[in-house]
Amino acid sequence: MLLKEAKLKQINELNLKRFYKRGEWHDFEINGARISLKVIGTSNLGLLLLEDKDGKQQEFDLKEEKWVN
């Protein structure tokens, strides 16, 4: 089990290195409102993890948010 957990951690670290716009602020449309959030990565459940300007992190399913150009 320990080996499996170590492999999972390694995969997650590689994924985060290549994560699109990770650590950058980007505009999103959430519940009809446009808001600027920082892309953190994904949660343990595979949800998109975003952070607001106050440092509060929130998880979103792909259908809950829309990336705005």
PDB file of N, CA and C in Angstrom:
ATOM      1  N   MET A   1       0.816  -1.195   0.000  1.00  0.00           N
ATOM      2  CA  MET A   1       0.000   0.000   0.000  1.00  0.00           C
ATOM      3  C   MET A   1       0.859   1.258   0.000  1.00  0.00           C
ATOM      4  N   LEU A   2       1.952   1.239   0.719  1.00  0.00           N
ATOM      5  CA  LEU A   2       2.843   2.388   0.790  1.00  0.00           C
ATOM      6  C   LEU A   2       3.435   2.716  -0.585  1.00  0.00           C
ATOM      7  N   LEU A   3       3.789   1.683  -1.336  1.00  0.00           N
ATOM      8  CA  LEU A   3       4.337   1.871  -2.675  1.00  0.00           C
ATOM      9  C   LEU A   3       3.291   2.486  -3.599  1.00  0.00           C
ATOM     10  N   LYS A   4       2.048   2.035  -3.486  1.00  0.00           N
ATOM     11  CA  LYS A   4       0.963   2.569  -4.301  1.00  0.00           C
ATOM     12  C   LYS A   4       0.733   4.052  -3.993  1.00  0.00           C
ATOM     13  N   GLU A   5       0.773   4.421  -2.714  1.00  0.00           N
ATOM     14  CA  GLU A   5       0.596   5.819  -2.313  1.00  0.00           C
ATOM     15  C   GLU A   5       1.747   6.688  -2.820  1.00  0.00           C
ATOM     16  N   ALA A   6       2.957   6.162  -2.778  1.00  0.00           N
ATOM     17  CA  ALA A   6       4.122   6.901  -3.262  1.00  0.00           C
ATOM     18  C   ALA A   6       4.003   7.141  -4.765  1.00  0.00           C
ATOM     19  N   LYS A   7       3.542   6.147  -5.498  1.00  0.00           N
ATOM     20  CA  LYS A   7       3.367   6.276  -6.944  1.00  0.00           C
ATOM     21  C   LYS A   7       2.283   7.302  -7.262  1.00  0.00           C
ATOM     22  N   LEU A   8       1.202   7.279  -6.512  1.00  0.00           N
ATOM     23  CA  LEU A   8       0.127   8.239  -6.707  1.00  0.00           C
ATOM     24  C   LEU A   8       0.617   9.659  -6.446  1.00  0.00           C
ATOM     25  N   LYS A   9       1.407   9.839  -5.402  1.00  0.00           N
ATOM     26  CA  LYS A   9       1.955  11.158  -5.090  1.00  0.00           C
ATOM     27  C   LYS A   9       2.857  11.640  -6.224  1.00  0.00           C
ATOM     28  N   GLN A  10       3.675  10.752  -6.780  1.00  0.00           N
ATOM     29  CA  GLN A  10       4.562  11.095  -7.883  1.00  0.00           C
ATOM     30  C   GLN A  10       3.756  11.508  -9.120  1.00  0.00           C
ATOM     31  N   ILE A  11       2.695  10.785  -9.413  1.00  0.00           N
ATOM     32  CA  ILE A  11       1.835  11.109 -10.556  1.00  0.00           C
ATOM     33  C   ILE A  11       1.184  12.474 -10.355  1.00  0.00           C
ATOM     34  N   ASN A  12       0.700  12.740  -9.149  1.00  0.00           N
ATOM     35  CA  ASN A  12       0.073  14.037  -8.852  1.00  0.00           C
ATOM     36  C   ASN A  12       1.064  15.185  -9.005  1.00  0.00           C
ATOM     37  N   GLU A  13       2.293  14.995  -8.563  1.00  0.00           N
ATOM     38  CA  GLU A  13       3.317  16.039  -8.689  1.00  0.00           C
ATOM     39  C   GLU A  13       3.634  16.324 -10.157  1.00  0.00           C
ATOM     40  N   LEU A  14       3.736  15.286 -10.977  1.00  0.00           N
ATOM     41  CA  LEU A  14       3.972  15.468 -12.411  1.00  0.00           C
ATOM     42  C   LEU A  14       2.800  16.190 -13.071  1.00  0.00           C
ATOM     43  N   ASN A  15       1.600  15.827 -12.676  1.00  0.00           N
ATOM     44  CA  ASN A  15       0.406  16.458 -13.220  1.00  0.00           C
ATOM     45  C   ASN A  15       0.386  17.951 -12.894  1.00  0.00           C
ATOM     46  N   LEU A  16       0.716  18.311 -11.664  1.00  0.00           N
ATOM     47  CA  LEU A  16       0.699  19.716 -11.258  1.00  0.00           C
ATOM     48  C   LEU A  16       1.740  20.540 -12.008  1.00  0.00           C
ATOM     49  N   LYS A  17       2.876  19.947 -12.335  1.00  0.00           N
ATOM     50  CA  LYS A  17       3.909  20.681 -13.080  1.00  0.00           C
ATOM     51  C   LYS A  17       3.424  21.107 -14.456  1.00  0.00           C
ATOM     52  N   ARG A  18       2.504  20.334 -15.028  1.00  0.00           N
ATOM     53  CA  ARG A  18       2.010  20.605 -16.382  1.00  0.00           C
ATOM     54  C   ARG A  18       0.586  21.148 -16.393  1.00  0.00           C
ATOM     55  N   PHE A  19       0.076  21.479 -15.227  1.00  0.00           N
ATOM     56  CA  PHE A  19      -1.314  21.911 -15.114  1.00  0.00           C
ATOM     57  C   PHE A  19      -1.498  23.269 -15.793  1.00  0.00           C
ATOM     58  N   TYR A  20      -2.491  23.386 -16.641  1.00  0.00           N
ATOM     59  CA  TYR A  20      -2.769  24.600 -17.412  1.00  0.00           C
ATOM     60  C   TYR A  20      -3.041  25.792 -16.495  1.00  0.00           C
ATOM     61  N   LYS A  21      -2.286  26.838 -16.692  1.00  0.00           N
ATOM     62  CA  LYS A  21      -2.431  28.119 -15.970  1.00  0.00           C
ATOM     63  C   LYS A  21      -2.278  28.001 -14.451  1.00  0.00           C
ATOM     64  N   ARG A  22      -1.643  26.963 -13.963  1.00  0.00           N
ATOM     65  CA  ARG A  22      -1.463  26.789 -12.518  1.00  0.00           C
ATOM     66  C   ARG A  22      -0.670  27.958 -11.944  1.00  0.00           C
ATOM     67  N   GLY A  23      -1.160  28.523 -10.843  1.00  0.00           N
ATOM     68  CA  GLY A  23      -0.505  29.643 -10.181  1.00  0.00           C
ATOM     69  C   GLY A  23      -0.814  30.992 -10.807  1.00  0.00           C
ATOM     70  N   GLU A  24      -1.635  30.993 -11.858  1.00  0.00           N
ATOM     71  CA  GLU A  24      -1.973  32.237 -12.551  1.00  0.00           C
ATOM     72  C   GLU A  24      -3.412  32.642 -12.242  1.00  0.00           C
ATOM     73  N   TRP A  25      -3.642  33.943 -12.298  1.00  0.00           N
ATOM     74  CA  TRP A  25      -4.992  34.470 -12.133  1.00  0.00           C
ATOM     75  C   TRP A  25      -5.687  34.420 -13.484  1.00  0.00           C
ATOM     76  N   HIS A  26      -6.954  34.031 -13.458  1.00  0.00           N
ATOM     77  CA  HIS A  26      -7.721  33.921 -14.689  1.00  0.00           C
ATOM     78  C   HIS A  26      -9.173  34.276 -14.389  1.00  0.00           C
ATOM     79  N   ASP A  27      -9.863  34.798 -15.387  1.00  0.00           N
ATOM     80  CA  ASP A  27     -11.274  35.130 -15.218  1.00  0.00           C
ATOM     81  C   ASP A  27     -12.137  33.902 -15.489  1.00  0.00           C
ATOM     82  N   PHE A  28     -13.122  33.713 -14.617  1.00  0.00           N
ATOM     83  CA  PHE A  28     -14.075  32.613 -14.729  1.00  0.00           C
ATOM     84  C   PHE A  28     -15.482  33.178 -14.629  1.00  0.00           C
ATOM     85  N   GLU A  29     -16.423  32.465 -15.225  1.00  0.00           N
ATOM     86  CA  GLU A  29     -17.828  32.778 -15.031  1.00  0.00           C
ATOM     87  C   GLU A  29     -18.405  31.686 -14.137  1.00  0.00           C
ATOM     88  N   ILE A  30     -18.891  32.096 -12.975  1.00  0.00           N
ATOM     89  CA  ILE A  30     -19.458  31.159 -12.006  1.00  0.00           C
ATOM     90  C   ILE A  30     -20.807  31.690 -11.566  1.00  0.00           C
ATOM     91  N   ASN A  31     -21.836  30.903 -11.762  1.00  0.00           N
ATOM     92  CA  ASN A  31     -23.212  31.302 -11.432  1.00  0.00           C
ATOM     93  C   ASN A  31     -23.579  32.636 -12.071  1.00  0.00           C
ATOM     94  N   GLY A  32     -23.137  32.860 -13.301  1.00  0.00           N
ATOM     95  CA  GLY A  32     -23.466  34.068 -14.038  1.00  0.00           C
ATOM     96  C   GLY A  32     -22.614  35.282 -13.707  1.00  0.00           C
ATOM     97  N   ALA A  33     -21.721  35.166 -12.742  1.00  0.00           N
ATOM     98  CA  ALA A  33     -20.854  36.286 -12.346  1.00  0.00           C
ATOM     99  C   ALA A  33     -19.428  36.037 -12.843  1.00  0.00           C
ATOM    100  N   ARG A  34     -18.797  37.104 -13.306  1.00  0.00           N
ATOM    101  CA  ARG A  34     -17.414  37.012 -13.751  1.00  0.00           C
ATOM    102  C   ARG A  34     -16.500  37.334 -12.575  1.00  0.00           C
ATOM    103  N   ILE A  35     -15.534  36.446 -12.310  1.00  0.00           N
ATOM    104  CA  ILE A  35     -14.661  36.618 -11.149  1.00  0.00           C
ATOM    105  C   ILE A  35     -13.249  36.159 -11.501  1.00  0.00           C
ATOM    106  N   SER A  36     -12.267  36.846 -10.957  1.00  0.00           N
ATOM    107  CA  SER A  36     -10.869  36.495 -11.176  1.00  0.00           C
ATOM    108  C   SER A  36     -10.400  35.581 -10.046  1.00  0.00           C
ATOM    109  N   LEU A  37      -9.906  34.403 -10.415  1.00  0.00           N
ATOM    110  CA  LEU A  37      -9.459  33.412  -9.437  1.00  0.00           C
ATOM    111  C   LEU A  37      -8.118  32.841  -9.854  1.00  0.00           C
ATOM    112  N   LYS A  38      -7.356  32.387  -8.863  1.00  0.00           N
ATOM    113  CA  LYS A  38      -6.061  31.764  -9.141  1.00  0.00           C
ATOM    114  C   LYS A  38      -6.251  30.254  -9.268  1.00  0.00           C
ATOM    115  N   VAL A  39      -5.650  29.685 -10.313  1.00  0.00           N
ATOM    116  CA  VAL A  39      -5.721  28.252 -10.542  1.00  0.00           C
ATOM    117  C   VAL A  39      -4.709  27.566  -9.625  1.00  0.00           C
ATOM    118  N   ILE A  40      -5.176  26.675  -8.764  1.00  0.00           N
ATOM    119  CA  ILE A  40      -4.321  25.970  -7.809  1.00  0.00           C
ATOM    120  C   ILE A  40      -3.986  24.565  -8.307  1.00  0.00           C
ATOM    121  N   GLY A  41      -4.973  23.874  -8.842  1.00  0.00           N
ATOM    122  CA  GLY A  41      -4.772  22.506  -9.317  1.00  0.00           C
ATOM    123  C   GLY A  41      -6.068  21.733  -9.200  1.00  0.00           C
ATOM    124  N   THR A  42      -5.993  20.507  -8.704  1.00  0.00           N
ATOM    125  CA  THR A  42      -7.195  19.712  -8.510  1.00  0.00           C
ATOM    126  C   THR A  42      -7.256  19.212  -7.066  1.00  0.00           C
ATOM    127  N   SER A  43      -8.467  18.971  -6.623  1.00  0.00           N
ATOM    128  CA  SER A  43      -8.681  18.423  -5.282  1.00  0.00           C
ATOM    129  C   SER A  43      -8.483  16.914  -5.313  1.00  0.00           C
ATOM    130  N   ASN A  44      -8.567  16.293  -4.158  1.00  0.00           N
ATOM    131  CA  ASN A  44      -8.463  14.833  -4.082  1.00  0.00           C
ATOM    132  C   ASN A  44      -9.583  14.137  -4.835  1.00  0.00           C
ATOM    133  N   LEU A  45     -10.688  14.842  -5.053  1.00  0.00           N
ATOM    134  CA  LEU A  45     -11.826  14.287  -5.782  1.00  0.00           C
ATOM    135  C   LEU A  45     -11.742  14.565  -7.278  1.00  0.00           C
ATOM    136  N   GLY A  46     -10.681  15.265  -7.706  1.00  0.00           N
ATOM    137  CA  GLY A  46     -10.510  15.574  -9.121  1.00  0.00           C
ATOM    138  C   GLY A  46     -11.218  16.837  -9.562  1.00  0.00           C
ATOM    139  N   LEU A  47     -11.689  17.630  -8.611  1.00  0.00           N
ATOM    140  CA  LEU A  47     -12.358  18.885  -8.936  1.00  0.00           C
ATOM    141  C   LEU A  47     -11.323  19.989  -9.110  1.00  0.00           C
ATOM    142  N   LEU A  48     -11.667  20.987  -9.934  1.00  0.00           N
ATOM    143  CA  LEU A  48     -10.774  22.119 -10.150  1.00  0.00           C
ATOM    144  C   LEU A  48     -10.686  22.933  -8.871  1.00  0.00           C
ATOM    145  N   LEU A  49      -9.476  23.200  -8.411  1.00  0.00           N
ATOM    146  CA  LEU A  49      -9.241  23.937  -7.179  1.00  0.00           C
ATOM    147  C   LEU A  49      -8.802  25.356  -7.527  1.00  0.00           C
ATOM    148  N   LEU A  50      -9.604  26.331  -7.102  1.00  0.00           N
ATOM    149  CA  LEU A  50      -9.356  27.741  -7.382  1.00  0.00           C
ATOM    150  C   LEU A  50      -9.286  28.522  -6.080  1.00  0.00           C
ATOM    151  N   GLU A  51      -8.578  29.657  -6.111  1.00  0.00           N
ATOM    152  CA  GLU A  51      -8.417  30.485  -4.913  1.00  0.00           C
ATOM    153  C   GLU A  51      -8.808  31.915  -5.225  1.00  0.00           C
ATOM    154  N   ASP A  52      -9.568  32.536  -4.320  1.00  0.00           N
ATOM    155  CA  ASP A  52      -9.941  33.932  -4.528  1.00  0.00           C
ATOM    156  C   ASP A  52      -8.883  34.868  -3.949  1.00  0.00           C
ATOM    157  N   LYS A  53      -9.097  36.160  -4.086  1.00  0.00           N
ATOM    158  CA  LYS A  53      -8.102  37.148  -3.655  1.00  0.00           C
ATOM    159  C   LYS A  53      -7.901  37.176  -2.140  1.00  0.00           C
ATOM    160  N   ASP A  54      -8.853  36.622  -1.391  1.00  0.00           N
ATOM    161  CA  ASP A  54      -8.739  36.544   0.067  1.00  0.00           C
ATOM    162  C   ASP A  54      -8.037  35.270   0.526  1.00  0.00           C
ATOM    163  N   GLY A  55      -7.660  34.427  -0.425  1.00  0.00           N
ATOM    164  CA  GLY A  55      -6.972  33.186  -0.089  1.00  0.00           C
ATOM    165  C   GLY A  55      -7.891  32.001   0.162  1.00  0.00           C
ATOM    166  N   LYS A  56      -9.197  32.197  -0.001  1.00  0.00           N
ATOM    167  CA  LYS A  56     -10.160  31.112   0.206  1.00  0.00           C
ATOM    168  C   LYS A  56     -10.163  30.196  -1.015  1.00  0.00           C
ATOM    169  N   GLN A  57      -9.953  28.907  -0.784  1.00  0.00           N
ATOM    170  CA  GLN A  57      -9.938  27.933  -1.868  1.00  0.00           C
ATOM    171  C   GLN A  57     -11.310  27.295  -2.019  1.00  0.00           C
ATOM    172  N   GLN A  58     -11.690  27.087  -3.289  1.00  0.00           N
ATOM    173  CA  GLN A  58     -12.974  26.480  -3.599  1.00  0.00           C
ATOM    174  C   GLN A  58     -12.776  25.421  -4.674  1.00  0.00           C
ATOM    175  N   GLU A  59     -13.596  24.383  -4.625  1.00  0.00           N
ATOM    176  CA  GLU A  59     -13.544  23.305  -5.606  1.00  0.00           C
ATOM    177  C   GLU A  59     -14.730  23.431  -6.558  1.00  0.00           C
ATOM    178  N   PHE A  60     -14.468  23.189  -7.860  1.00  0.00           N
ATOM    179  CA  PHE A  60     -15.518  23.289  -8.858  1.00  0.00           C
ATOM    180  C   PHE A  60     -15.473  22.106  -9.813  1.00  0.00           C
ATOM    181  N   ASP A  61     -16.653  21.612 -10.157  1.00  0.00           N
ATOM    182  CA  ASP A  61     -16.780  20.610 -11.204  1.00  0.00           C
ATOM    183  C   ASP A  61     -16.678  21.350 -12.539  1.00  0.00           C
ATOM    184  N   LEU A  62     -16.328  20.641 -13.591  1.00  0.00           N
ATOM    185  CA  LEU A  62     -16.151  21.268 -14.899  1.00  0.00           C
ATOM    186  C   LEU A  62     -17.403  21.998 -15.378  1.00  0.00           C
ATOM    187  N   LYS A  63     -18.561  21.546 -14.975  1.00  0.00           N
ATOM    188  CA  LYS A  63     -19.807  22.172 -15.429  1.00  0.00           C
ATOM    189  C   LYS A  63     -20.218  23.347 -14.551  1.00  0.00           C
ATOM    190  N   GLU A  64     -19.520  23.592 -13.461  1.00  0.00           N
ATOM    191  CA  GLU A  64     -19.878  24.678 -12.545  1.00  0.00           C
ATOM    192  C   GLU A  64     -19.186  25.986 -12.893  1.00  0.00           C
ATOM    193  N   GLU A  65     -18.110  25.922 -13.641  1.00  0.00           N
ATOM    194  CA  GLU A  65     -17.367  27.135 -13.967  1.00  0.00           C
ATOM    195  C   GLU A  65     -17.080  27.171 -15.464  1.00  0.00           C
ATOM    196  N   LYS A  66     -16.833  28.378 -15.963  1.00  0.00           N
ATOM    197  CA  LYS A  66     -16.512  28.559 -17.370  1.00  0.00           C
ATOM    198  C   LYS A  66     -15.297  29.482 -17.456  1.00  0.00           C
ATOM    199  N   TRP A  67     -14.262  29.045 -18.180  1.00  0.00           N
ATOM    200  CA  TRP A  67     -13.077  29.872 -18.377  1.00  0.00           C
ATOM    201  C   TRP A  67     -13.436  30.984 -19.357  1.00  0.00           C
ATOM    202  N   VAL A  68     -13.128  32.233 -18.984  1.00  0.00           N
ATOM    203  CA  VAL A  68     -13.437  33.389 -19.809  1.00  0.00           C
ATOM    204  C   VAL A  68     -12.141  33.940 -20.392  1.00  0.00           C
ATOM    205  N   ASN A  69     -12.146  34.219 -21.684  1.00  0.00           N
ATOM    206  CA  ASN A  69     -10.948  34.774 -22.343  1.00  0.00           C
ATOM    207  C   ASN A  69     -10.806  36.249 -22.116  1.00  0.00           C
TER     208      ASN A  69
END
